[in-house]
Amino acid sequence: MKIGVTIPNNWGIDNPQQVLSFGPLAEDLGYDSVWVMDHLFNTGYIRERLEDKPYYHPLGTLSYLAATTKKVLLGTSVLVLPYHNPVELAKYTASLDQMSGGRVILGVGVGAMTEEFQALGIPMRQRASLTDESIKLMRELWSDPTPSYHSRRWDFSDLYFSPKPVQKPYIPIWVGGSSPGALNRAGTLGDGWHPSGISPEEYSLTKREIEDLASASGRDTGDLTWSVRVEVQVHGRPSSDRAAGRSSLPGDDPPRMAGAIDAYANAGVEHVILALNSGDVDSITRVMESVAKGVIPQLL
């Protein structure tokens, strides 16, 4: 079992150095990975939480952490893929994979923020097809010496694209979400599944569904990575903006948290990402240290 933790790039912390300090701290404490979130505008529920406070770019944050850490994996949980030009994103992430020594994991989702799609001029009804096509296009750029791609949206050939990622054949893409579309995408296109706020019991059942989808499309299910993002009660209560109905773990009760993580392991999860959704630097630090001392050693 691997344990990751979120970095509060999305919680309005005015001093970016405080956000960035959590990367080396996570590595020193024995976490396997660090994760960042993605939104471009402070709108909807994000505006309600942050107003005009900082929401730092996920890949900018990971780029800095690539230079200040040596071994933790660097992931997005999740990048809203339709917001990003896939050619530029392939270039950025391949560069980041080279600079970090092959530590990038791209967690992706289709997005659900209507206001943000409108602000960006992206038709929300096209988000699923944009996501699927972006995945295919990026993999072509990452893996083919002379990539080519032809569709209504993108059309190129006889071009070189560099650098290629360190990871072969390409950077792993973990599909977020638990909707029917997300499950189909995870089974037919993803390198892994990365849902949020799902119970161990639900995870076990849905994992089998994704495996069936993967097998039906001729894929080897052994190549898939199984992860989950779980909310942590940083302040003694569910800390997510949308915590209602989501599973959450008690940040102040290491034995109970270890038991919950063990239940995920029994459900087939290989990598648990702890979402410490708070802008309170001291509280995040306290929970990270508590987990490192009372939970991670029990999972080794």
Protein backbone atom coordinates (compact mmCIF):
# COMPACT_ATOMS: atom_id res chain seq x y z
CA MET A 1 0.00 0.00 0.00
CA LYS A 2 1.28 3.46 -0.94
CA ILE A 3 0.14 6.59 0.92
CA GLY A 4 -0.04 10.02 -0.65
CA VAL A 5 -1.13 13.41 0.61
CA THR A 6 -2.54 16.53 -0.99
CA ILE A 7 -0.65 19.82 -1.07
CA PRO A 8 -2.89 22.88 -0.37
CA ASN A 9 -2.30 24.72 -3.65
CA ASN A 10 -6.06 25.34 -3.74
CA TRP A 11 -6.72 26.74 -0.28
CA GLY A 12 -5.93 30.44 -0.57
CA ILE A 13 -2.65 30.44 1.36
CA ASP A 14 -1.09 33.84 0.70
CA ASN A 15 2.52 32.75 1.13
CA PRO A 16 3.37 30.23 -1.62
CA GLN A 17 6.44 29.08 0.28
CA GLN A 18 4.15 27.64 2.94
CA VAL A 19 2.35 25.61 0.27
CA LEU A 20 5.60 24.43 -1.28
CA SER A 21 7.10 23.43 2.07
CA PHE A 22 4.69 20.51 2.28
CA GLY A 23 6.43 18.64 -0.55
CA PRO A 24 9.78 18.13 1.22
CA LEU A 25 7.91 17.60 4.50
CA ALA A 26 5.86 14.77 2.97
CA GLU A 27 9.01 13.15 1.61
CA ASP A 28 10.82 13.45 4.96
CA LEU A 29 7.83 11.93 6.77
CA GLY A 30 7.75 8.88 4.50
CA TYR A 31 4.80 9.58 2.20
CA ASP A 32 4.97 8.01 -1.25
CA SER A 33 3.34 10.82 -3.24
CA VAL A 34 2.11 14.42 -3.18
CA TRP A 35 -0.93 15.67 -5.09
CA VAL A 36 -2.34 18.97 -6.31
CA MET A 37 -5.73 20.13 -7.60
CA ASP A 38 -6.78 22.06 -10.70
CA HIS A 39 -9.10 25.00 -11.33
CA LEU A 40 -8.40 28.11 -13.38
CA PHE A 41 -11.02 30.53 -12.00
CA ASN A 42 -12.24 31.11 -8.46
CA THR A 43 -15.88 30.57 -9.31
CA GLY A 44 -18.79 28.57 -7.90
CA TYR A 45 -18.06 26.83 -4.63
CA ILE A 46 -14.37 27.76 -4.95
CA ARG A 47 -15.24 31.45 -4.97
CA GLU A 48 -17.42 30.90 -1.90
CA ARG A 49 -14.39 29.47 -0.14
CA LEU A 50 -11.56 31.63 -1.46
CA GLU A 51 -12.99 34.82 -2.98
CA ASP A 52 -9.85 36.31 -4.59
CA LYS A 53 -7.26 34.38 -2.56
CA PRO A 54 -4.59 32.34 -4.36
CA TYR A 55 -5.28 29.08 -6.16
CA TYR A 56 -1.83 28.10 -7.42
CA HIS A 57 -1.40 26.33 -10.76
CA PRO A 58 -1.06 22.57 -10.20
CA LEU A 59 1.77 21.99 -12.67
CA GLY A 60 3.62 25.11 -11.57
CA THR A 61 3.45 23.78 -8.02
CA LEU A 62 4.67 20.31 -9.04
CA SER A 63 7.50 21.82 -11.08
CA TYR A 64 8.86 23.55 -7.99
CA LEU A 65 8.43 20.38 -5.92
CA ALA A 66 10.32 18.37 -8.54
CA ALA A 67 13.37 20.46 -7.64
CA THR A 68 12.93 20.29 -3.85
CA THR A 69 12.16 16.56 -3.54
CA LYS A 70 13.94 13.45 -4.78
CA LYS A 71 11.62 10.46 -4.63
CA VAL A 72 7.97 11.25 -3.91
CA LEU A 73 5.64 10.78 -6.86
CA LEU A 74 4.10 14.00 -8.19
CA GLY A 75 0.42 13.74 -9.07
CA THR A 76 -2.67 15.72 -10.05
CA SER A 77 -5.91 14.88 -8.26
CA VAL A 78 -7.30 15.71 -10.66
CA LEU A 79 -6.42 17.83 -13.68
CA VAL A 80 -9.56 18.93 -15.52
CA LEU A 81 -8.44 17.74 -18.92
CA PRO A 82 -10.86 19.70 -21.16
CA TYR A 83 -9.45 22.96 -19.77
CA HIS A 84 -5.99 22.28 -21.23
CA ASN A 85 -4.58 22.16 -24.74
CA PRO A 86 -3.38 18.55 -24.95
CA VAL A 87 -0.30 19.34 -27.05
CA GLU A 88 0.91 21.98 -24.60
CA LEU A 89 0.01 19.72 -21.67
CA ALA A 90 1.90 16.79 -23.20
CA LYS A 91 4.94 19.05 -23.60
CA TYR A 92 4.74 20.40 -20.04
CA THR A 93 4.24 17.02 -18.38
CA ALA A 94 6.91 15.29 -20.47
CA SER A 95 9.34 18.05 -19.49
CA LEU A 96 8.31 17.69 -15.86
CA ASP A 97 8.73 13.91 -16.04
CA GLN A 98 12.27 14.40 -17.37
CA MET A 99 13.16 17.00 -14.76
CA SER A 100 11.76 14.92 -11.89
CA GLY A 101 13.35 11.65 -13.00
CA GLY A 102 10.11 9.97 -14.03
CA ARG A 103 7.85 10.77 -11.07
CA VAL A 104 4.73 12.23 -12.71
CA ILE A 105 1.24 10.74 -12.45
CA LEU A 106 -1.52 12.50 -14.35
CA GLY A 107 -4.86 12.10 -12.61
CA VAL A 108 -7.52 13.45 -14.95
CA GLY A 109 -11.23 14.20 -14.95
CA VAL A 110 -13.84 15.72 -17.24
CA GLY A 111 -14.81 18.53 -14.85
CA ALA A 112 -18.16 19.56 -13.43
CA MET A 113 -17.98 23.34 -12.87
CA THR A 114 -20.52 24.85 -15.25
CA GLU A 115 -19.41 28.43 -14.55
CA GLU A 116 -15.80 27.61 -15.37
CA PHE A 117 -16.61 25.91 -18.68
CA GLN A 118 -18.65 28.97 -19.65
CA ALA A 119 -15.84 31.34 -18.67
CA LEU A 120 -13.36 29.37 -20.76
CA GLY A 121 -15.66 29.15 -23.76
CA ILE A 122 -15.59 25.35 -23.73
CA PRO A 123 -18.88 23.56 -24.48
CA MET A 124 -19.57 21.43 -21.42
CA ARG A 125 -21.43 18.89 -23.56
CA GLN A 126 -18.11 18.15 -25.29
CA ARG A 127 -16.12 17.54 -22.12
CA ALA A 128 -16.19 13.73 -22.37
CA SER A 129 -15.10 13.58 -26.01
CA LEU A 130 -12.44 16.24 -25.36
CA THR A 131 -11.07 14.18 -22.49
CA ASP A 132 -10.95 10.93 -24.44
CA GLU A 133 -9.33 12.53 -27.45
CA SER A 134 -6.80 14.41 -25.33
CA ILE A 135 -5.67 11.17 -23.70
CA LYS A 136 -5.14 9.52 -27.07
CA LEU A 137 -3.35 12.54 -28.53
CA MET A 138 -0.96 12.93 -25.58
CA ARG A 139 -0.02 9.26 -25.68
CA GLU A 140 0.74 9.57 -29.39
CA LEU A 141 3.03 12.52 -28.69
CA TRP A 142 4.72 10.80 -25.75
CA SER A 143 5.38 7.45 -27.41
CA ASP A 144 5.74 7.79 -31.20
CA PRO A 145 9.09 9.00 -32.65
CA THR A 146 7.19 10.78 -35.44
CA PRO A 147 3.73 11.37 -34.02
CA SER A 148 0.68 11.95 -36.15
CA TYR A 149 -2.93 12.59 -35.27
CA HIS A 150 -5.92 13.38 -37.43
CA SER A 151 -9.33 14.48 -36.20
CA ARG A 152 -11.76 17.36 -36.47
CA ARG A 153 -10.00 19.14 -33.60
CA TRP A 154 -6.33 18.34 -34.25
CA ASP A 155 -4.48 17.46 -37.42
CA PHE A 156 -0.71 16.96 -37.61
CA SER A 157 1.94 14.61 -38.98
CA ASP A 158 5.60 14.57 -40.02
CA LEU A 159 6.58 16.42 -36.85
CA TYR A 160 9.02 15.76 -34.04
CA PHE A 161 7.91 16.14 -30.46
CA SER A 162 10.35 16.28 -27.58
CA PRO A 163 11.21 15.62 -24.91
CA LYS A 164 9.61 12.24 -24.46
CA PRO A 165 8.78 11.25 -20.85
CA VAL A 166 11.22 9.19 -18.81
CA GLN A 167 8.41 6.73 -18.10
CA LYS A 168 7.77 4.30 -20.93
CA PRO A 169 5.73 4.07 -22.98
CA TYR A 170 4.17 7.21 -21.47
CA ILE A 171 3.18 9.04 -18.30
CA PRO A 172 0.51 7.04 -16.42
CA ILE A 173 -2.99 8.49 -16.63
CA TRP A 174 -5.35 7.71 -13.76
CA VAL A 175 -8.99 8.40 -14.49
CA GLY A 176 -10.95 10.18 -11.78
CA GLY A 177 -14.66 9.88 -11.08
CA SER A 178 -17.22 7.14 -10.59
CA SER A 179 -19.88 8.01 -13.17
CA PRO A 180 -20.67 5.44 -15.88
CA GLY A 181 -18.60 7.48 -18.34
CA ALA A 182 -15.64 7.63 -15.96
CA LEU A 183 -15.77 3.89 -15.33
CA ASN A 184 -15.81 3.16 -19.04
CA ARG A 185 -12.90 5.59 -19.55
CA ALA A 186 -10.90 3.95 -16.75
CA GLY A 187 -11.50 0.48 -18.19
CA THR A 188 -10.84 1.28 -21.83
CA LEU A 189 -8.33 4.15 -21.72
CA GLY A 190 -6.92 4.63 -18.24
CA ASP A 191 -3.74 3.33 -16.66
CA GLY A 192 -5.53 3.40 -13.34
CA TRP A 193 -8.67 4.46 -11.51
CA HIS A 194 -8.69 7.39 -9.08
CA PRO A 195 -12.15 8.02 -7.58
CA SER A 196 -12.87 10.33 -4.67
CA GLY A 197 -14.93 9.74 -1.55
CA ILE A 198 -15.98 6.16 -2.24
CA SER A 199 -16.31 3.53 0.49
CA PRO A 200 -14.24 0.32 0.47
CA GLU A 201 -17.38 -1.70 -0.22
CA GLU A 202 -18.30 0.46 -3.22
CA TYR A 203 -14.72 0.37 -4.41
CA SER A 204 -14.57 -3.41 -4.47
CA LEU A 205 -17.76 -3.72 -6.50
CA THR A 206 -16.85 -0.98 -8.97
CA LYS A 207 -13.31 -2.31 -9.42
CA ARG A 208 -14.76 -5.55 -10.76
CA GLU A 209 -16.93 -3.57 -13.18
CA ILE A 210 -13.89 -1.70 -14.52
CA GLU A 211 -11.96 -4.95 -14.84
CA ASP A 212 -14.81 -6.40 -16.91
CA LEU A 213 -14.77 -3.32 -19.15
CA ALA A 214 -11.01 -3.58 -19.56
CA SER A 215 -11.15 -7.29 -20.37
CA ALA A 216 -13.95 -6.74 -22.90
CA SER A 217 -11.75 -4.21 -24.73
CA GLY A 218 -8.82 -6.64 -24.82
CA ARG A 219 -6.75 -5.01 -22.09
CA ASP A 220 -4.70 -6.69 -19.37
CA THR A 221 -6.29 -5.70 -16.05
CA GLY A 222 -2.99 -6.42 -14.33
CA ASP A 223 -1.61 -3.26 -15.90
CA LEU A 224 -4.12 -1.02 -14.09
CA THR A 225 -3.29 0.82 -10.87
CA TRP A 226 -6.00 1.08 -8.23
CA SER A 227 -6.08 4.25 -6.15
CA VAL A 228 -8.57 6.28 -4.14
CA ARG A 229 -8.70 9.81 -2.78
CA VAL A 230 -10.19 10.00 0.71
CA GLU A 231 -11.17 13.11 2.63
CA VAL A 232 -9.52 13.56 6.03
CA GLN A 233 -11.14 15.37 8.96
CA VAL A 234 -8.37 17.89 9.54
CA HIS A 235 -10.41 19.93 12.03
CA GLY A 236 -12.42 17.14 13.62
CA ARG A 237 -15.19 17.32 11.01
CA PRO A 238 -15.52 16.53 7.31
CA SER A 239 -13.37 19.19 5.68
CA SER A 240 -14.36 19.02 2.01
CA ASP A 241 -16.59 21.61 0.37
CA ARG A 242 -18.76 18.69 -0.67
CA ALA A 243 -18.16 16.42 2.28
CA ALA A 244 -21.77 15.33 2.65
CA GLY A 245 -22.16 11.77 1.55
CA ARG A 246 -18.44 11.20 1.16
CA SER A 247 -16.31 8.79 3.12
CA SER A 248 -13.83 10.57 5.39
CA LEU A 249 -11.06 9.46 7.74
CA PRO A 250 -10.38 10.87 11.22
CA GLY A 251 -7.15 12.86 11.19
CA ASP A 252 -6.85 12.72 14.99
CA ASP A 253 -7.32 8.95 15.37
CA PRO A 254 -4.39 7.05 13.78
CA PRO A 255 -5.55 3.52 14.78
CA ARG A 256 -8.98 4.11 13.25
CA MET A 257 -7.43 5.61 10.13
CA ALA A 258 -5.08 2.65 9.77
CA GLY A 259 -8.05 0.30 10.03
CA ALA A 260 -9.91 2.21 7.35
CA ILE A 261 -6.92 2.16 5.02
CA ASP A 262 -6.60 -1.57 5.61
CA ALA A 263 -10.23 -1.95 4.49
CA TYR A 264 -9.35 -0.16 1.26
CA ALA A 265 -6.40 -2.49 0.80
CA ASN A 266 -8.74 -5.48 1.16
CA ALA A 267 -10.96 -3.88 -1.51
CA GLY A 268 -8.04 -3.87 -3.93
CA VAL A 269 -6.71 -0.34 -3.47
CA GLU A 270 -2.96 0.02 -3.98
CA HIS A 271 -2.53 3.76 -3.40
CA VAL A 272 -4.53 5.91 -0.95
CA ILE A 273 -4.33 9.69 -1.30
CA LEU A 274 -5.27 11.58 1.87
CA ALA A 275 -7.06 14.83 1.01
CA LEU A 276 -6.18 17.31 3.76
CA ASN A 277 -8.62 19.96 2.62
CA SER A 278 -7.68 22.93 4.76
CA GLY A 279 -5.82 26.19 4.52
CA ASP A 280 -4.60 25.93 8.11
CA VAL A 281 -0.88 25.25 7.77
CA ASP A 282 -0.42 24.18 11.39
CA SER A 283 -3.37 21.76 11.27
CA ILE A 284 -2.18 20.17 8.02
CA THR A 285 1.30 19.74 9.48
CA ARG A 286 -0.08 18.17 12.64
CA VAL A 287 -2.19 15.63 10.73
CA MET A 288 0.66 14.76 8.36
CA GLU A 289 2.96 14.12 11.29
CA SER A 290 0.31 12.10 13.12
CA VAL A 291 -0.27 9.86 10.09
CA ALA A 292 3.45 9.44 9.54
CA LYS A 293 3.98 8.36 13.13
CA GLY A 294 0.84 6.34 13.81
CA VAL A 295 -0.40 5.03 10.46
CA ILE A 296 2.32 4.63 7.83
CA PRO A 297 4.50 2.29 9.97
CA GLN A 298 1.54 -0.09 10.38
CA LEU A 299 1.19 -0.36 6.60
CA LEU A 300 4.80 -1.32 5.86
